[in-house]
Amino acid sequence: MDDLLLTLAVPAVVVVSGVYAFCDCRRQRRCPPSPYTRKAARLAARDVLDLAEAVVDSAYAALGGLYADPAVPRPAGNAPAVSGGGGPDRGPSRPAPARRP
């Protein structure tokens, strides 16, 4: 008897979920969400974007000197100069020789 109930429960769940999805779709078509809700979502997204821009701007202001072009003289400021610890060859490293199979 338990196997019969389990066998019938699976199609019943599928049919009920299909009916629920159909009714939910029709309800959303008849009553679309309020424009105020969409407007509030847009405003919240804009606030998050403004906050992200502020974070990026402050990070660039703090660390922008690290990405400056070395050929351009830096303005005198209180930022410490980073000494180059590398050797005399400052170009890209040579590629490794190709191995033969």
N, C-alpha and C. Protein backbone atom coordinates (compact mmCIF):
# COMPACT_ATOMS: atom_id res chain seq x y z
N MET A 1 0.81 -1.19 0.00
CA MET A 1 0.00 0.00 0.00
C MET A 1 0.86 1.26 0.00
N ASP A 2 2.00 1.21 0.73
CA ASP A 2 2.87 2.39 0.78
C ASP A 2 3.45 2.71 -0.60
N ASP A 3 3.78 1.66 -1.35
CA ASP A 3 4.34 1.89 -2.68
C ASP A 3 3.31 2.53 -3.61
N LEU A 4 2.05 2.15 -3.46
CA LEU A 4 1.00 2.71 -4.30
C LEU A 4 0.80 4.20 -3.99
N LEU A 5 0.81 4.56 -2.72
CA LEU A 5 0.67 5.97 -2.35
C LEU A 5 1.85 6.80 -2.84
N LEU A 6 3.05 6.25 -2.72
CA LEU A 6 4.23 6.96 -3.22
C LEU A 6 4.18 7.12 -4.73
N THR A 7 3.73 6.09 -5.42
CA THR A 7 3.63 6.14 -6.88
C THR A 7 2.60 7.19 -7.31
N LEU A 8 1.53 7.32 -6.59
CA LEU A 8 0.51 8.30 -6.94
C LEU A 8 0.86 9.70 -6.45
N ALA A 9 1.71 9.82 -5.46
CA ALA A 9 2.06 11.13 -4.92
C ALA A 9 2.93 11.92 -5.89
N VAL A 10 3.81 11.24 -6.60
CA VAL A 10 4.72 11.96 -7.50
C VAL A 10 3.94 12.65 -8.63
N PRO A 11 3.05 11.95 -9.37
CA PRO A 11 2.29 12.68 -10.40
C PRO A 11 1.38 13.76 -9.81
N ALA A 12 0.87 13.53 -8.60
CA ALA A 12 0.01 14.54 -7.98
C ALA A 12 0.79 15.81 -7.69
N VAL A 13 2.02 15.67 -7.21
CA VAL A 13 2.86 16.84 -6.93
C VAL A 13 3.18 17.58 -8.23
N VAL A 14 3.46 16.84 -9.29
CA VAL A 14 3.77 17.48 -10.58
C VAL A 14 2.56 18.24 -11.10
N VAL A 15 1.37 17.64 -11.02
CA VAL A 15 0.16 18.31 -11.51
C VAL A 15 -0.15 19.54 -10.66
N VAL A 16 -0.05 19.42 -9.36
CA VAL A 16 -0.35 20.56 -8.48
C VAL A 16 0.64 21.70 -8.71
N SER A 17 1.93 21.39 -8.90
CA SER A 17 2.90 22.46 -9.14
C SER A 17 2.66 23.12 -10.50
N GLY A 18 2.22 22.35 -11.48
CA GLY A 18 1.87 22.94 -12.78
C GLY A 18 0.68 23.87 -12.69
N VAL A 19 -0.34 23.45 -11.94
CA VAL A 19 -1.53 24.29 -11.75
C VAL A 19 -1.14 25.57 -11.00
N TYR A 20 -0.30 25.45 -9.99
CA TYR A 20 0.15 26.63 -9.25
C TYR A 20 0.92 27.59 -10.16
N ALA A 21 1.82 27.05 -10.99
CA ALA A 21 2.60 27.91 -11.90
C ALA A 21 1.68 28.60 -12.89
N PHE A 22 0.68 27.89 -13.41
CA PHE A 22 -0.25 28.48 -14.36
C PHE A 22 -1.04 29.62 -13.71
N CYS A 23 -1.57 29.36 -12.52
CA CYS A 23 -2.35 30.40 -11.82
C CYS A 23 -1.48 31.60 -11.44
N ASP A 24 -0.26 31.36 -11.03
CA ASP A 24 0.64 32.45 -10.67
C ASP A 24 0.98 33.30 -11.89
N CYS A 25 1.18 32.65 -13.03
CA CYS A 25 1.49 33.39 -14.27
C CYS A 25 0.30 34.27 -14.67
N ARG A 26 -0.92 33.72 -14.58
CA ARG A 26 -2.10 34.50 -14.94
C ARG A 26 -2.30 35.67 -13.96
N ARG A 27 -2.04 35.44 -12.68
CA ARG A 27 -2.19 36.50 -11.69
C ARG A 27 -1.21 37.64 -11.97
N GLN A 28 0.02 37.29 -12.35
CA GLN A 28 1.01 38.34 -12.61
C GLN A 28 0.67 39.11 -13.87
N ARG A 29 0.04 38.46 -14.84
CA ARG A 29 -0.37 39.18 -16.05
C ARG A 29 -1.49 40.16 -15.76
N ARG A 30 -2.45 39.74 -14.92
CA ARG A 30 -3.57 40.62 -14.61
C ARG A 30 -3.17 41.75 -13.69
N CYS A 31 -2.28 41.50 -12.76
CA CYS A 31 -1.87 42.50 -11.77
C CYS A 31 -0.36 42.66 -11.80
N PRO A 32 0.15 43.44 -12.75
CA PRO A 32 1.61 43.62 -12.78
C PRO A 32 2.08 44.36 -11.53
N PRO A 33 3.35 44.23 -11.20
CA PRO A 33 3.83 44.91 -10.00
C PRO A 33 3.71 46.43 -10.15
N SER A 34 3.59 47.07 -9.03
CA SER A 34 3.41 48.52 -9.00
C SER A 34 4.64 49.21 -9.59
N PRO A 35 4.44 50.32 -10.32
CA PRO A 35 5.60 51.04 -10.86
C PRO A 35 6.46 51.63 -9.75
N TYR A 36 5.85 51.87 -8.59
CA TYR A 36 6.64 52.39 -7.48
C TYR A 36 7.67 51.36 -7.02
N THR A 37 7.30 50.09 -7.12
CA THR A 37 8.23 49.04 -6.74
C THR A 37 9.41 49.03 -7.69
N ARG A 38 9.12 49.12 -8.98
CA ARG A 38 10.22 49.16 -9.97
C ARG A 38 11.06 50.41 -9.79
N LYS A 39 10.40 51.53 -9.51
CA LYS A 39 11.15 52.77 -9.30
C LYS A 39 12.03 52.67 -8.06
N ALA A 40 11.51 52.08 -7.02
CA ALA A 40 12.31 51.90 -5.81
C ALA A 40 13.50 50.98 -6.07
N ALA A 41 13.30 49.95 -6.88
CA ALA A 41 14.40 49.06 -7.22
C ALA A 41 15.47 49.79 -8.03
N ARG A 42 15.03 50.63 -8.96
CA ARG A 42 16.00 51.41 -9.75
C ARG A 42 16.78 52.38 -8.88
N LEU A 43 16.08 53.03 -7.94
CA LEU A 43 16.76 53.96 -7.05
C LEU A 43 17.75 53.24 -6.13
N ALA A 44 17.37 52.07 -5.66
CA ALA A 44 18.29 51.31 -4.81
C ALA A 44 19.50 50.86 -5.61
N ALA A 45 19.29 50.46 -6.85
CA ALA A 45 20.42 50.05 -7.70
C ALA A 45 21.33 51.25 -7.96
N ARG A 46 20.76 52.41 -8.15
CA ARG A 46 21.55 53.62 -8.38
C ARG A 46 22.36 53.97 -7.13
N ASP A 47 21.76 53.81 -5.95
CA ASP A 47 22.49 54.08 -4.71
C ASP A 47 23.69 53.14 -4.55
N VAL A 48 23.47 51.86 -4.88
CA VAL A 48 24.57 50.90 -4.79
C VAL A 48 25.66 51.25 -5.79
N LEU A 49 25.27 51.67 -6.99
CA LEU A 49 26.26 52.07 -7.99
C LEU A 49 27.04 53.29 -7.54
N ASP A 50 26.36 54.26 -6.95
CA ASP A 50 27.06 55.45 -6.43
C ASP A 50 28.05 55.08 -5.32
N LEU A 51 27.64 54.17 -4.46
CA LEU A 51 28.53 53.72 -3.39
C LEU A 51 29.76 53.00 -3.95
N ALA A 52 29.54 52.15 -4.97
CA ALA A 52 30.67 51.45 -5.60
C ALA A 52 31.61 52.44 -6.27
N GLU A 53 31.06 53.45 -6.93
CA GLU A 53 31.91 54.46 -7.56
C GLU A 53 32.73 55.21 -6.51
N ALA A 54 32.14 55.51 -5.38
CA ALA A 54 32.86 56.20 -4.31
C ALA A 54 34.00 55.33 -3.78
N VAL A 55 33.75 54.03 -3.63
CA VAL A 55 34.80 53.13 -3.15
C VAL A 55 35.95 53.06 -4.15
N VAL A 56 35.62 52.94 -5.44
CA VAL A 56 36.66 52.87 -6.47
C VAL A 56 37.43 54.17 -6.53
N ASP A 57 36.74 55.31 -6.44
CA ASP A 57 37.42 56.59 -6.49
C ASP A 57 38.37 56.77 -5.31
N SER A 58 37.93 56.37 -4.13
CA SER A 58 38.81 56.52 -2.97
C SER A 58 40.00 55.56 -3.05
N ALA A 59 39.78 54.37 -3.58
CA ALA A 59 40.89 53.42 -3.74
C ALA A 59 41.88 53.94 -4.77
N TYR A 60 41.39 54.53 -5.85
CA TYR A 60 42.29 55.08 -6.86
C TYR A 60 43.05 56.28 -6.30
N ALA A 61 42.38 57.09 -5.50
CA ALA A 61 43.06 58.24 -4.91
C ALA A 61 44.18 57.78 -3.98
N ALA A 62 43.94 56.67 -3.26
CA ALA A 62 44.95 56.19 -2.33
C ALA A 62 46.08 55.43 -3.04
N LEU A 63 45.74 54.68 -4.06
CA LEU A 63 46.73 53.80 -4.70
C LEU A 63 47.06 54.18 -6.14
N GLY A 64 46.55 55.31 -6.60
CA GLY A 64 46.77 55.70 -8.00
C GLY A 64 48.23 55.91 -8.34
N GLY A 65 49.06 56.32 -7.38
CA GLY A 65 50.47 56.54 -7.65
C GLY A 65 51.21 55.26 -8.00
N LEU A 66 50.70 54.13 -7.55
CA LEU A 66 51.36 52.87 -7.88
C LEU A 66 51.22 52.51 -9.35
N TYR A 67 50.18 53.04 -9.99
CA TYR A 67 49.92 52.71 -11.38
C TYR A 67 50.33 53.82 -12.35
N ALA A 68 51.03 54.82 -11.86
CA ALA A 68 51.44 55.93 -12.70
C ALA A 68 52.54 55.49 -13.67
N ASP A 69 52.61 56.17 -14.79
CA ASP A 69 53.64 55.89 -15.79
C ASP A 69 55.00 56.31 -15.23
N PRO A 70 56.00 55.41 -15.22
CA PRO A 70 57.29 55.77 -14.64
C PRO A 70 58.02 56.85 -15.44
N ALA A 71 57.68 57.06 -16.71
CA ALA A 71 58.36 58.07 -17.52
C ALA A 71 57.91 59.49 -17.15
N VAL A 72 56.74 59.60 -16.60
CA VAL A 72 56.20 60.91 -16.22
C VAL A 72 56.68 61.22 -14.82
N PRO A 73 57.25 62.42 -14.60
CA PRO A 73 57.71 62.77 -13.25
C PRO A 73 56.52 62.86 -12.30
N ARG A 74 56.72 62.35 -11.10
CA ARG A 74 55.66 62.37 -10.09
C ARG A 74 55.64 63.72 -9.38
N PRO A 75 54.46 64.16 -9.01
CA PRO A 75 54.40 65.39 -8.22
C PRO A 75 54.94 65.12 -6.82
N ALA A 76 55.53 66.15 -6.26
CA ALA A 76 56.09 66.00 -4.92
C ALA A 76 54.94 65.88 -3.93
N GLY A 77 55.00 64.86 -3.12
CA GLY A 77 53.93 64.64 -2.15
C GLY A 77 54.50 63.90 -0.95
N ASN A 78 53.65 63.50 -0.07
CA ASN A 78 54.11 62.79 1.10
C ASN A 78 54.13 61.28 0.90
N ALA A 79 53.88 60.79 -0.30
CA ALA A 79 53.90 59.35 -0.56
C ALA A 79 55.36 58.90 -0.67
N PRO A 80 55.73 57.82 0.00
CA PRO A 80 57.11 57.34 -0.07
C PRO A 80 57.41 56.76 -1.46
N ALA A 81 58.64 56.94 -1.87
CA ALA A 81 59.06 56.40 -3.15
C ALA A 81 59.41 54.93 -2.98
N VAL A 82 59.01 54.13 -3.93
CA VAL A 82 59.30 52.70 -3.89
C VAL A 82 60.57 52.47 -4.70
N SER A 83 61.57 51.90 -4.05
CA SER A 83 62.82 51.67 -4.77
C SER A 83 62.71 50.38 -5.56
N GLY A 84 63.28 50.37 -6.73
CA GLY A 84 63.26 49.17 -7.57
C GLY A 84 64.30 48.19 -7.08
N GLY A 85 63.87 47.01 -6.68
CA GLY A 85 64.79 46.02 -6.15
C GLY A 85 65.30 45.08 -7.24
N GLY A 86 64.90 45.29 -8.46
CA GLY A 86 65.29 44.39 -9.55
C GLY A 86 66.69 44.70 -10.07
N GLY A 87 67.13 43.90 -10.97
CA GLY A 87 68.45 44.09 -11.56
C GLY A 87 68.43 45.16 -12.63
N PRO A 88 69.55 45.28 -13.40
CA PRO A 88 69.63 46.32 -14.41
C PRO A 88 68.69 46.06 -15.59
N ASP A 89 68.37 44.80 -15.86
CA ASP A 89 67.49 44.49 -16.98
C ASP A 89 66.05 44.61 -16.52
N ARG A 90 65.36 45.66 -16.93
CA ARG A 90 64.00 45.90 -16.48
C ARG A 90 62.97 45.48 -17.52
N GLY A 91 63.38 44.92 -18.62
CA GLY A 91 62.45 44.48 -19.66
C GLY A 91 61.78 43.18 -19.29
N PRO A 92 60.90 42.71 -20.15
CA PRO A 92 60.23 41.45 -19.87
C PRO A 92 61.23 40.28 -19.94
N SER A 93 60.93 39.25 -19.20
CA SER A 93 61.83 38.11 -19.19
C SER A 93 61.75 37.36 -20.51
N ARG A 94 62.85 36.65 -20.81
CA ARG A 94 62.89 35.89 -22.06
C ARG A 94 61.96 34.69 -21.94
N PRO A 95 61.36 34.29 -23.06
CA PRO A 95 60.51 33.11 -23.01
C PRO A 95 61.39 31.85 -22.83
N ALA A 96 60.82 30.85 -22.23
CA ALA A 96 61.54 29.59 -22.03
C ALA A 96 61.72 28.89 -23.38
N PRO A 97 62.85 28.18 -23.56
CA PRO A 97 63.03 27.48 -24.83
C PRO A 97 61.98 26.37 -24.98
N ALA A 98 61.59 26.14 -26.21
CA ALA A 98 60.59 25.11 -26.48
C ALA A 98 61.18 23.72 -26.27
N ARG A 99 60.40 22.86 -25.67
CA ARG A 99 60.85 21.49 -25.45
C ARG A 99 60.46 20.63 -26.63
N ARG A 100 61.33 19.70 -26.94
CA ARG A 100 61.02 18.77 -28.01
C ARG A 100 60.47 17.49 -27.40
N PRO A 101 59.47 16.91 -28.04
CA PRO A 101 58.88 15.69 -27.47
C PRO A 101 59.78 14.48 -27.57
